[in-house]
Amino acid sequence: MDDGPRRLIVGITGASGAVYGVRLLRILRNINHIETHLVISGAAILTLRHEMGLSAAEVRLLADKTYNIGEMAAAIASGSFQSAGMIIAPCSMKTLSAIANGFCDNLMTRAADVMLKERRRLVLMVRETPLNLVHIRNMQSVTEMGGIIYPPVPAFYCHPPSIEAMVDQTVRRALELFGIVDDGIIRWNGIM
């Protein structure tokens, strides 16, 4: 990927926490040479409207390329599509389960499966609490396959002044897993 922009596939599911996917896209728009490829689930369309007052069309404008969830012949459904990886923010337990069990019934789960089979970075910002044993086993399965489970747990050591600051810190930390770094992250420097 030395020539041209780096590509990152972004999935947004219907789990609560649509703000994570939206903030991720907005942060990536301000970072040079990151080309975003977006898939939004049907349930995510409802969650985006309910939690943020945003339509799917408004969110799609934040990405460089968008795909319909049923578009199984899309470029991102193939291992020949080169990318830095994929992040699903937020990731529902339904999507986690499909990925953990190789159930590629839509473009989001197929693209995630491609990341695993090609040994590329897959980060799932899972959103559920409390967790039951099925959730934990599915997270274990994805981890054993090489995926990263990254619950959007806020960091309080940076003394976030707002919910927006907490979300941004979480998203920036997740992006670092792909080697995508910007100046907005607050780092732990020990207790002075």
N, C-alpha and C. Protein backbone atom coordinates (compact mmCIF):
# COMPACT_ATOMS: atom_id res chain seq x y z
N MET A 1 0.82 -1.19 0.00
CA MET A 1 0.00 0.00 0.00
C MET A 1 0.87 1.26 0.00
N ASP A 2 2.01 1.21 -0.63
CA ASP A 2 2.89 2.37 -0.65
C ASP A 2 2.39 3.45 -1.61
N ASP A 3 1.69 3.04 -2.66
CA ASP A 3 1.20 4.00 -3.65
C ASP A 3 -0.24 4.37 -3.33
N GLY A 4 -0.51 5.66 -3.22
CA GLY A 4 -1.87 6.12 -3.01
C GLY A 4 -2.29 6.03 -1.56
N PRO A 5 -3.57 6.28 -1.32
CA PRO A 5 -4.07 6.34 0.06
C PRO A 5 -4.18 4.95 0.68
N ARG A 6 -4.08 4.90 2.00
CA ARG A 6 -4.39 3.68 2.73
C ARG A 6 -5.90 3.56 2.81
N ARG A 7 -6.39 2.34 2.83
CA ARG A 7 -7.82 2.10 2.90
C ARG A 7 -8.18 1.48 4.23
N LEU A 8 -9.30 1.92 4.79
CA LEU A 8 -9.85 1.33 6.00
C LEU A 8 -11.33 1.07 5.77
N ILE A 9 -11.75 -0.15 6.04
CA ILE A 9 -13.16 -0.51 5.93
C ILE A 9 -13.81 -0.23 7.28
N VAL A 10 -14.94 0.45 7.24
CA VAL A 10 -15.66 0.82 8.46
C VAL A 10 -17.07 0.23 8.39
N GLY A 11 -17.45 -0.47 9.44
CA GLY A 11 -18.80 -0.99 9.56
C GLY A 11 -19.50 -0.32 10.73
N ILE A 12 -20.77 -0.03 10.57
CA ILE A 12 -21.59 0.50 11.66
C ILE A 12 -22.82 -0.40 11.77
N THR A 13 -22.99 -1.01 12.97
CA THR A 13 -24.15 -1.88 13.19
C THR A 13 -25.18 -1.16 14.04
N GLY A 14 -26.25 -1.86 14.36
CA GLY A 14 -27.34 -1.26 15.11
C GLY A 14 -27.16 -1.22 16.61
N ALA A 15 -26.02 -1.65 17.13
CA ALA A 15 -25.79 -1.57 18.57
C ALA A 15 -25.80 -0.11 19.00
N SER A 16 -26.16 0.13 20.25
CA SER A 16 -26.09 1.49 20.78
C SER A 16 -24.64 1.97 20.74
N GLY A 17 -24.46 3.25 20.43
CA GLY A 17 -23.11 3.79 20.32
C GLY A 17 -22.77 4.18 18.89
N ALA A 18 -23.78 4.55 18.12
CA ALA A 18 -23.55 4.98 16.73
C ALA A 18 -22.54 6.11 16.65
N VAL A 19 -22.45 6.89 17.71
CA VAL A 19 -21.52 8.00 17.75
C VAL A 19 -20.08 7.56 17.49
N TYR A 20 -19.72 6.33 17.88
CA TYR A 20 -18.36 5.86 17.67
C TYR A 20 -18.03 5.75 16.18
N GLY A 21 -18.94 5.18 15.41
CA GLY A 21 -18.71 5.07 13.98
C GLY A 21 -18.69 6.42 13.29
N VAL A 22 -19.59 7.29 13.68
CA VAL A 22 -19.66 8.63 13.07
C VAL A 22 -18.41 9.43 13.40
N ARG A 23 -17.99 9.45 14.66
CA ARG A 23 -16.78 10.19 15.04
C ARG A 23 -15.54 9.62 14.35
N LEU A 24 -15.50 8.31 14.23
CA LEU A 24 -14.39 7.67 13.54
C LEU A 24 -14.29 8.18 12.11
N LEU A 25 -15.40 8.22 11.41
CA LEU A 25 -15.40 8.71 10.02
C LEU A 25 -15.00 10.18 9.96
N ARG A 26 -15.49 10.98 10.90
CA ARG A 26 -15.15 12.41 10.90
C ARG A 26 -13.67 12.63 11.18
N ILE A 27 -13.11 11.87 12.11
CA ILE A 27 -11.68 11.99 12.40
C ILE A 27 -10.86 11.57 11.19
N LEU A 28 -11.26 10.47 10.53
CA LEU A 28 -10.52 10.00 9.37
C LEU A 28 -10.58 10.98 8.20
N ARG A 29 -11.66 11.74 8.08
CA ARG A 29 -11.75 12.74 7.01
C ARG A 29 -10.68 13.80 7.16
N ASN A 30 -10.22 14.02 8.39
CA ASN A 30 -9.21 15.04 8.65
C ASN A 30 -7.79 14.50 8.63
N ILE A 31 -7.64 13.22 8.37
CA ILE A 31 -6.30 12.62 8.28
C ILE A 31 -6.02 12.33 6.81
N ASN A 32 -4.92 12.84 6.32
CA ASN A 32 -4.57 12.65 4.91
C ASN A 32 -4.30 11.18 4.58
N HIS A 33 -4.68 10.82 3.39
CA HIS A 33 -4.33 9.53 2.80
C HIS A 33 -4.99 8.33 3.47
N ILE A 34 -6.14 8.52 4.08
CA ILE A 34 -6.93 7.40 4.58
C ILE A 34 -8.23 7.38 3.80
N GLU A 35 -8.40 6.36 2.98
CA GLU A 35 -9.60 6.20 2.17
C GLU A 35 -10.56 5.28 2.91
N THR A 36 -11.78 5.75 3.19
CA THR A 36 -12.73 4.97 3.96
C THR A 36 -13.78 4.30 3.08
N HIS A 37 -14.08 3.05 3.43
CA HIS A 37 -15.07 2.23 2.73
C HIS A 37 -16.10 1.80 3.77
N LEU A 38 -17.34 2.26 3.62
CA LEU A 38 -18.35 2.16 4.67
C LEU A 38 -19.48 1.20 4.33
N VAL A 39 -19.85 0.40 5.34
CA VAL A 39 -21.05 -0.45 5.27
C VAL A 39 -21.88 -0.16 6.51
N ILE A 40 -23.16 0.13 6.33
CA ILE A 40 -24.08 0.41 7.43
C ILE A 40 -25.18 -0.66 7.42
N SER A 41 -25.42 -1.28 8.57
CA SER A 41 -26.48 -2.30 8.63
C SER A 41 -27.85 -1.63 8.67
N GLY A 42 -28.88 -2.41 8.40
CA GLY A 42 -30.25 -1.90 8.47
C GLY A 42 -30.60 -1.40 9.86
N ALA A 43 -30.20 -2.14 10.89
CA ALA A 43 -30.48 -1.71 12.26
C ALA A 43 -29.70 -0.44 12.61
N ALA A 44 -28.53 -0.27 12.03
CA ALA A 44 -27.73 0.94 12.28
C ALA A 44 -28.45 2.19 11.77
N ILE A 45 -29.19 2.06 10.70
CA ILE A 45 -29.94 3.20 10.17
C ILE A 45 -30.93 3.70 11.23
N LEU A 46 -31.59 2.78 11.92
CA LEU A 46 -32.52 3.15 12.98
C LEU A 46 -31.79 3.77 14.16
N THR A 47 -30.67 3.18 14.55
CA THR A 47 -29.90 3.69 15.70
C THR A 47 -29.31 5.06 15.42
N LEU A 48 -28.80 5.27 14.22
CA LEU A 48 -28.25 6.59 13.85
C LEU A 48 -29.33 7.66 13.97
N ARG A 49 -30.53 7.35 13.51
CA ARG A 49 -31.64 8.31 13.58
C ARG A 49 -32.02 8.56 15.04
N HIS A 50 -32.15 7.49 15.82
CA HIS A 50 -32.61 7.62 17.21
C HIS A 50 -31.57 8.30 18.10
N GLU A 51 -30.31 7.88 18.01
CA GLU A 51 -29.29 8.39 18.92
C GLU A 51 -28.68 9.71 18.49
N MET A 52 -28.61 9.95 17.18
CA MET A 52 -27.88 11.12 16.70
C MET A 52 -28.70 12.04 15.81
N GLY A 53 -29.91 11.62 15.44
CA GLY A 53 -30.72 12.43 14.54
C GLY A 53 -30.14 12.51 13.14
N LEU A 54 -29.36 11.49 12.75
CA LEU A 54 -28.72 11.48 11.44
C LEU A 54 -29.35 10.42 10.54
N SER A 55 -29.44 10.73 9.26
CA SER A 55 -29.89 9.74 8.28
C SER A 55 -28.68 8.96 7.78
N ALA A 56 -28.95 7.81 7.21
CA ALA A 56 -27.86 7.02 6.61
C ALA A 56 -27.18 7.82 5.50
N ALA A 57 -27.96 8.58 4.75
CA ALA A 57 -27.39 9.39 3.66
C ALA A 57 -26.38 10.40 4.20
N GLU A 58 -26.70 11.02 5.34
CA GLU A 58 -25.77 11.99 5.94
C GLU A 58 -24.48 11.31 6.38
N VAL A 59 -24.59 10.12 6.94
CA VAL A 59 -23.40 9.41 7.40
C VAL A 59 -22.58 8.92 6.21
N ARG A 60 -23.24 8.48 5.17
CA ARG A 60 -22.52 8.01 3.97
C ARG A 60 -21.67 9.11 3.34
N LEU A 61 -22.08 10.36 3.50
CA LEU A 61 -21.30 11.48 2.96
C LEU A 61 -19.94 11.62 3.64
N LEU A 62 -19.77 11.02 4.81
CA LEU A 62 -18.51 11.10 5.54
C LEU A 62 -17.46 10.12 5.01
N ALA A 63 -17.88 9.14 4.20
CA ALA A 63 -16.98 8.12 3.69
C ALA A 63 -16.60 8.40 2.24
N ASP A 64 -15.48 7.84 1.83
CA ASP A 64 -15.04 7.97 0.44
C ASP A 64 -15.84 7.06 -0.48
N LYS A 65 -16.18 5.85 0.02
CA LYS A 65 -16.93 4.89 -0.78
C LYS A 65 -17.90 4.18 0.16
N THR A 66 -19.12 3.99 -0.29
CA THR A 66 -20.11 3.30 0.53
C THR A 66 -20.69 2.11 -0.24
N TYR A 67 -21.19 1.15 0.54
CA TYR A 67 -21.74 -0.07 -0.04
C TYR A 67 -23.05 -0.40 0.65
N ASN A 68 -23.94 -1.02 -0.08
CA ASN A 68 -25.17 -1.55 0.48
C ASN A 68 -24.85 -2.84 1.21
N ILE A 69 -25.48 -3.09 2.34
CA ILE A 69 -25.22 -4.27 3.16
C ILE A 69 -25.43 -5.57 2.38
N GLY A 70 -26.27 -5.55 1.36
CA GLY A 70 -26.53 -6.74 0.56
C GLY A 70 -25.66 -6.86 -0.69
N GLU A 71 -24.73 -5.96 -0.86
CA GLU A 71 -23.89 -5.90 -2.07
C GLU A 71 -22.74 -6.90 -1.97
N MET A 72 -23.06 -8.18 -2.08
CA MET A 72 -22.08 -9.24 -1.84
C MET A 72 -20.98 -9.31 -2.90
N ALA A 73 -21.15 -8.66 -4.02
CA ALA A 73 -20.11 -8.66 -5.06
C ALA A 73 -19.23 -7.41 -4.99
N ALA A 74 -19.33 -6.65 -3.90
CA ALA A 74 -18.53 -5.42 -3.74
C ALA A 74 -17.05 -5.76 -3.62
N ALA A 75 -16.21 -4.80 -3.92
CA ALA A 75 -14.76 -4.99 -3.87
C ALA A 75 -14.29 -5.47 -2.50
N ILE A 76 -14.87 -4.94 -1.42
CA ILE A 76 -14.40 -5.29 -0.08
C ILE A 76 -14.75 -6.72 0.34
N ALA A 77 -15.53 -7.43 -0.49
CA ALA A 77 -15.87 -8.82 -0.21
C ALA A 77 -14.79 -9.78 -0.69
N SER A 78 -13.70 -9.24 -1.23
CA SER A 78 -12.64 -10.07 -1.79
C SER A 78 -11.31 -9.83 -1.09
N GLY A 79 -10.56 -10.89 -0.92
CA GLY A 79 -9.22 -10.78 -0.36
C GLY A 79 -8.26 -10.02 -1.26
N SER A 80 -8.60 -9.87 -2.52
CA SER A 80 -7.73 -9.11 -3.42
C SER A 80 -7.85 -7.60 -3.21
N PHE A 81 -8.87 -7.17 -2.46
CA PHE A 81 -9.01 -5.75 -2.13
C PHE A 81 -8.04 -5.43 -1.00
N GLN A 82 -7.07 -4.61 -1.28
CA GLN A 82 -6.05 -4.27 -0.30
C GLN A 82 -6.55 -3.19 0.66
N SER A 83 -6.33 -3.42 1.95
CA SER A 83 -6.72 -2.44 2.96
C SER A 83 -5.86 -2.61 4.19
N ALA A 84 -5.88 -1.58 5.05
CA ALA A 84 -5.20 -1.67 6.35
C ALA A 84 -5.97 -2.57 7.30
N GLY A 85 -7.25 -2.79 7.01
CA GLY A 85 -8.08 -3.63 7.84
C GLY A 85 -9.49 -3.12 7.91
N MET A 86 -10.18 -3.53 8.96
CA MET A 86 -11.59 -3.19 9.13
C MET A 86 -11.89 -2.94 10.60
N ILE A 87 -12.72 -1.96 10.85
CA ILE A 87 -13.21 -1.69 12.20
C ILE A 87 -14.73 -1.62 12.14
N ILE A 88 -15.38 -2.27 13.09
CA ILE A 88 -16.83 -2.20 13.20
C ILE A 88 -17.14 -1.46 14.49
N ALA A 89 -17.73 -0.27 14.33
CA ALA A 89 -17.94 0.64 15.45
C ALA A 89 -19.32 1.28 15.37
N PRO A 90 -20.24 0.89 16.22
CA PRO A 90 -20.17 -0.17 17.21
C PRO A 90 -20.44 -1.52 16.56
N CYS A 91 -20.12 -2.58 17.28
CA CYS A 91 -20.36 -3.94 16.79
C CYS A 91 -21.40 -4.60 17.67
N SER A 92 -22.51 -4.98 17.07
CA SER A 92 -23.58 -5.66 17.81
C SER A 92 -23.19 -7.09 18.13
N MET A 93 -23.88 -7.68 19.08
CA MET A 93 -23.64 -9.08 19.41
C MET A 93 -24.05 -9.99 18.25
N LYS A 94 -25.04 -9.59 17.48
CA LYS A 94 -25.44 -10.37 16.30
C LYS A 94 -24.30 -10.42 15.29
N THR A 95 -23.68 -9.27 15.03
CA THR A 95 -22.58 -9.23 14.07
C THR A 95 -21.37 -9.99 14.62
N LEU A 96 -21.07 -9.81 15.90
CA LEU A 96 -19.99 -10.57 16.53
C LEU A 96 -20.22 -12.07 16.35
N SER A 97 -21.44 -12.53 16.62
CA SER A 97 -21.76 -13.94 16.50
C SER A 97 -21.57 -14.44 15.07
N ALA A 98 -22.04 -13.67 14.10
CA ALA A 98 -21.88 -14.07 12.70
C ALA A 98 -20.41 -14.19 12.34
N ILE A 99 -19.59 -13.23 12.76
CA ILE A 99 -18.16 -13.25 12.46
C ILE A 99 -17.50 -14.45 13.16
N ALA A 100 -17.82 -14.65 14.42
CA ALA A 100 -17.22 -15.74 15.20
C ALA A 100 -17.53 -17.11 14.60
N ASN A 101 -18.67 -17.21 13.93
CA ASN A 101 -19.11 -18.50 13.40
C ASN A 101 -19.02 -18.61 11.88
N GLY A 102 -18.37 -17.63 11.24
CA GLY A 102 -18.16 -17.68 9.80
C GLY A 102 -19.44 -17.59 9.00
N PHE A 103 -20.45 -16.90 9.56
CA PHE A 103 -21.75 -16.77 8.90
C PHE A 103 -21.76 -15.48 8.09
N CYS A 104 -21.36 -15.57 6.85
CA CYS A 104 -21.19 -14.39 5.98
C CYS A 104 -22.46 -14.13 5.19
N ASP A 105 -23.50 -13.69 5.88
CA ASP A 105 -24.79 -13.51 5.24
C ASP A 105 -25.01 -12.10 4.70
N ASN A 106 -24.05 -11.19 4.91
CA ASN A 106 -24.15 -9.84 4.36
C ASN A 106 -22.74 -9.30 4.11
N LEU A 107 -22.66 -8.14 3.52
CA LEU A 107 -21.35 -7.61 3.15
C LEU A 107 -20.48 -7.29 4.36
N MET A 108 -21.08 -6.84 5.45
CA MET A 108 -20.27 -6.50 6.62
C MET A 108 -19.59 -7.75 7.19
N THR A 109 -20.36 -8.82 7.37
CA THR A 109 -19.76 -10.03 7.93
C THR A 109 -18.82 -10.71 6.94
N ARG A 110 -19.11 -10.59 5.66
CA ARG A 110 -18.19 -11.14 4.64
C ARG A 110 -16.88 -10.38 4.65
N ALA A 111 -16.93 -9.05 4.70
CA ALA A 111 -15.70 -8.25 4.72
C ALA A 111 -14.88 -8.56 5.97
N ALA A 112 -15.55 -8.75 7.11
CA ALA A 112 -14.85 -9.12 8.34
C ALA A 112 -14.20 -10.49 8.19
N ASP A 113 -14.91 -11.43 7.58
CA ASP A 113 -14.37 -12.76 7.35
C ASP A 113 -13.13 -12.69 6.46
N VAL A 114 -13.16 -11.82 5.46
CA VAL A 114 -12.00 -11.63 4.58
C VAL A 114 -10.80 -11.13 5.39
N MET A 115 -11.03 -10.21 6.32
CA MET A 115 -9.93 -9.71 7.15
C MET A 115 -9.28 -10.86 7.91
N LEU A 116 -10.10 -11.73 8.48
CA LEU A 116 -9.57 -12.85 9.24
C LEU A 116 -8.81 -13.84 8.36
N LYS A 117 -9.40 -14.18 7.21
CA LYS A 117 -8.74 -15.17 6.36
C LYS A 117 -7.46 -14.64 5.73
N GLU A 118 -7.40 -13.32 5.51
CA GLU A 118 -6.20 -12.71 4.92
C GLU A 118 -5.20 -12.26 5.98
N ARG A 119 -5.53 -12.50 7.25
CA ARG A 119 -4.68 -12.12 8.39
C ARG A 119 -4.43 -10.62 8.44
N ARG A 120 -5.52 -9.86 8.17
CA ARG A 120 -5.47 -8.41 8.29
C ARG A 120 -6.14 -8.00 9.59
N ARG A 121 -5.92 -6.78 9.99
CA ARG A 121 -6.43 -6.28 11.26
C ARG A 121 -7.95 -6.15 11.21
N LEU A 122 -8.62 -6.74 12.20
CA LEU A 122 -10.06 -6.62 12.38
C LEU A 122 -10.30 -6.18 13.81
N VAL A 123 -10.93 -5.03 14.00
CA VAL A 123 -11.21 -4.49 15.32
C VAL A 123 -12.73 -4.38 15.48
N LEU A 124 -13.24 -4.99 16.54
CA LEU A 124 -14.67 -4.96 16.81
C LEU A 124 -14.92 -4.20 18.11
N MET A 125 -15.58 -3.05 17.99
CA MET A 125 -15.95 -2.25 19.16
C MET A 125 -17.30 -2.76 19.66
N VAL A 126 -17.25 -3.89 20.38
CA VAL A 126 -18.47 -4.55 20.83
C VAL A 126 -19.18 -3.73 21.89
N ARG A 127 -20.51 -3.71 21.81
CA ARG A 127 -21.34 -2.89 22.69
C ARG A 127 -22.45 -3.75 23.28
N GLU A 128 -22.24 -4.20 24.48
CA GLU A 128 -23.29 -4.93 25.20
C GLU A 128 -22.87 -5.02 26.66
N THR A 129 -23.84 -5.01 27.54
CA THR A 129 -23.57 -5.25 28.95
C THR A 129 -24.88 -5.57 29.65
N PRO A 130 -24.89 -6.49 30.58
CA PRO A 130 -23.80 -7.39 30.92
C PRO A 130 -23.60 -8.43 29.83
N LEU A 131 -22.47 -9.11 29.87
CA LEU A 131 -22.16 -10.13 28.87
C LEU A 131 -22.62 -11.50 29.37
N ASN A 132 -23.18 -12.29 28.46
CA ASN A 132 -23.48 -13.66 28.83
C ASN A 132 -22.38 -14.57 28.27
N LEU A 133 -22.45 -15.84 28.56
CA LEU A 133 -21.38 -16.75 28.17
C LEU A 133 -21.24 -16.87 26.65
N VAL A 134 -22.34 -16.79 25.93
CA VAL A 134 -22.27 -16.84 24.46
C VAL A 134 -21.47 -15.65 23.93
N HIS A 135 -21.72 -14.45 24.47
CA HIS A 135 -20.97 -13.26 24.05
C HIS A 135 -19.48 -13.47 24.29
N ILE A 136 -19.15 -13.95 25.49
CA ILE A 136 -17.75 -14.14 25.87
C ILE A 136 -17.09 -15.18 24.98
N ARG A 137 -17.78 -16.26 24.70
CA ARG A 137 -17.22 -17.30 23.82
C ARG A 137 -17.03 -16.79 22.40
N ASN A 138 -17.98 -15.98 21.91
CA ASN A 138 -17.83 -15.41 20.57
C ASN A 138 -16.64 -14.46 20.52
N MET A 139 -16.44 -13.66 21.57
CA MET A 139 -15.28 -12.77 21.63
C MET A 139 -13.99 -13.58 21.68
N GLN A 140 -14.00 -14.67 22.45
CA GLN A 140 -12.83 -15.53 22.51
C GLN A 140 -12.52 -16.12 21.13
N SER A 141 -13.55 -16.59 20.44
CA SER A 141 -13.37 -17.19 19.12
C SER A 141 -12.77 -16.19 18.14
N VAL A 142 -13.31 -14.98 18.09
CA VAL A 142 -12.77 -13.96 17.18
C VAL A 142 -11.32 -13.62 17.55
N THR A 143 -11.03 -13.53 18.84
CA THR A 143 -9.67 -13.25 19.29
C THR A 143 -8.72 -14.36 18.86
N GLU A 144 -9.14 -15.60 19.03
CA GLU A 144 -8.29 -16.73 18.62
C GLU A 144 -8.05 -16.74 17.12
N MET A 145 -8.96 -16.18 16.34
CA MET A 145 -8.79 -16.09 14.88
C MET A 145 -7.94 -14.89 14.47
N GLY A 146 -7.58 -14.03 15.42
CA GLY A 146 -6.72 -12.89 15.11
C GLY A 146 -7.40 -11.55 15.18
N GLY A 147 -8.70 -11.52 15.45
CA GLY A 147 -9.40 -10.25 15.59
C GLY A 147 -9.11 -9.61 16.94
N ILE A 148 -9.42 -8.35 17.05
CA ILE A 148 -9.22 -7.61 18.30
C ILE A 148 -10.58 -7.14 18.80
N ILE A 149 -10.89 -7.50 20.03
CA ILE A 149 -12.13 -7.05 20.67
C ILE A 149 -11.77 -5.77 21.41
N TYR A 150 -12.43 -4.68 21.05
CA TYR A 150 -12.11 -3.37 21.61
C TYR A 150 -13.39 -2.70 22.10
N PRO A 151 -13.86 -3.08 23.28
CA PRO A 151 -15.06 -2.41 23.80
C PRO A 151 -14.78 -0.92 24.00
N PRO A 152 -15.72 -0.06 23.66
CA PRO A 152 -15.48 1.38 23.81
C PRO A 152 -15.61 1.82 25.27
N VAL A 153 -14.62 1.43 26.05
CA VAL A 153 -14.58 1.76 27.47
C VAL A 153 -13.86 3.10 27.62
N PRO A 154 -14.49 4.10 28.23
CA PRO A 154 -13.86 5.41 28.32
C PRO A 154 -12.65 5.42 29.25
N ALA A 155 -11.67 6.24 28.90
CA ALA A 155 -10.49 6.45 29.74
C ALA A 155 -10.70 7.72 30.56
N PHE A 156 -10.61 7.60 31.85
CA PHE A 156 -10.84 8.76 32.71
C PHE A 156 -9.54 9.43 33.15
N TYR A 157 -8.39 8.78 32.91
CA TYR A 157 -7.11 9.37 33.31
C TYR A 157 -6.81 10.67 32.57
N CYS A 158 -7.42 10.85 31.41
CA CYS A 158 -7.17 12.07 30.63
C CYS A 158 -8.14 13.20 30.99
N HIS A 159 -8.96 12.97 32.02
CA HIS A 159 -9.91 13.97 32.52
C HIS A 159 -10.74 14.59 31.39
N PRO A 160 -11.51 13.75 30.68
CA PRO A 160 -12.29 14.28 29.56
C PRO A 160 -13.31 15.30 30.03
N PRO A 161 -13.36 16.46 29.37
CA PRO A 161 -14.29 17.51 29.78
C PRO A 161 -15.72 17.30 29.28
N SER A 162 -15.90 16.30 28.37
CA SER A 162 -17.24 16.10 27.80
C SER A 162 -17.36 14.66 27.28
N ILE A 163 -18.58 14.29 26.97
CA ILE A 163 -18.81 12.98 26.34
C ILE A 163 -18.09 12.93 25.00
N GLU A 164 -18.13 14.02 24.25
CA GLU A 164 -17.46 14.06 22.95
C GLU A 164 -15.97 13.78 23.09
N ALA A 165 -15.34 14.34 24.12
CA ALA A 165 -13.91 14.12 24.34
C ALA A 165 -13.64 12.66 24.68
N MET A 166 -14.53 12.03 25.46
CA MET A 166 -14.38 10.62 25.79
C MET A 166 -14.49 9.75 24.54
N VAL A 167 -15.47 10.05 23.70
CA VAL A 167 -15.66 9.30 22.47
C VAL A 167 -14.44 9.46 21.57
N ASP A 168 -13.97 10.69 21.41
CA ASP A 168 -12.81 10.94 20.55
C ASP A 168 -11.58 10.17 21.03
N GLN A 169 -11.32 10.18 22.33
CA GLN A 169 -10.16 9.47 22.88
C GLN A 169 -10.28 7.97 22.59
N THR A 170 -11.46 7.41 22.76
CA THR A 170 -11.68 5.99 22.51
C THR A 170 -11.46 5.66 21.04
N VAL A 171 -12.01 6.47 20.16
CA VAL A 171 -11.88 6.24 18.72
C VAL A 171 -10.42 6.38 18.28
N ARG A 172 -9.74 7.39 18.79
CA ARG A 172 -8.34 7.58 18.41
C ARG A 172 -7.47 6.41 18.88
N ARG A 173 -7.75 5.90 20.07
CA ARG A 173 -7.01 4.73 20.55
C ARG A 173 -7.26 3.52 19.65
N ALA A 174 -8.50 3.34 19.21
CA ALA A 174 -8.82 2.23 18.30
C ALA A 174 -8.10 2.40 16.97
N LEU A 175 -8.04 3.61 16.45
CA LEU A 175 -7.35 3.86 15.18
C LEU A 175 -5.86 3.58 15.27
N GLU A 176 -5.29 3.77 16.45
CA GLU A 176 -3.87 3.47 16.62
C GLU A 176 -3.56 1.99 16.36
N LEU A 177 -4.56 1.14 16.54
CA LEU A 177 -4.36 -0.28 16.26
C LEU A 177 -4.07 -0.53 14.77
N PHE A 178 -4.41 0.42 13.93
CA PHE A 178 -4.12 0.35 12.49
C PHE A 178 -2.91 1.19 12.11
N GLY A 179 -2.23 1.76 13.10
CA GLY A 179 -1.10 2.65 12.81
C GLY A 179 -1.55 4.02 12.36
N ILE A 180 -2.81 4.36 12.61
CA ILE A 180 -3.35 5.67 12.24
C ILE A 180 -3.34 6.54 13.49
N VAL A 181 -2.49 7.55 13.48
CA VAL A 181 -2.29 8.38 14.66
C VAL A 181 -2.48 9.84 14.27
N ASP A 182 -3.16 10.59 15.13
CA ASP A 182 -3.22 12.04 14.94
C ASP A 182 -2.87 12.71 16.27
N ASP A 183 -2.84 14.02 16.27
CA ASP A 183 -2.39 14.76 17.45
C ASP A 183 -3.44 14.89 18.54
N GLY A 184 -4.65 14.41 18.30
CA GLY A 184 -5.72 14.61 19.27
C GLY A 184 -5.71 13.65 20.45
N ILE A 185 -4.90 12.61 20.41
CA ILE A 185 -4.92 11.61 21.48
C ILE A 185 -4.19 12.12 22.71
N ILE A 186 -4.71 11.79 23.88
CA ILE A 186 -4.07 12.14 25.15
C ILE A 186 -3.42 10.88 25.69
N ARG A 187 -2.15 10.97 26.00
CA ARG A 187 -1.40 9.79 26.45
C ARG A 187 -1.17 9.82 27.95
N TRP A 188 -1.14 8.63 28.53
CA TRP A 188 -0.84 8.48 29.94
C TRP A 188 0.65 8.71 30.14
N ASN A 189 1.00 9.63 30.99
CA ASN A 189 2.40 9.94 31.27
C ASN A 189 2.77 9.63 32.71
N GLY A 190 1.98 8.86 33.38
CA GLY A 190 2.24 8.53 34.77
C GLY A 190 1.65 9.59 35.69
N ILE A 191 1.62 9.29 36.95
CA ILE A 191 1.12 10.24 37.94
C ILE A 191 2.26 11.11 38.39
N MET A 192 2.06 12.41 38.29
CA MET A 192 3.11 13.38 38.65
C MET A 192 2.99 13.78 40.09
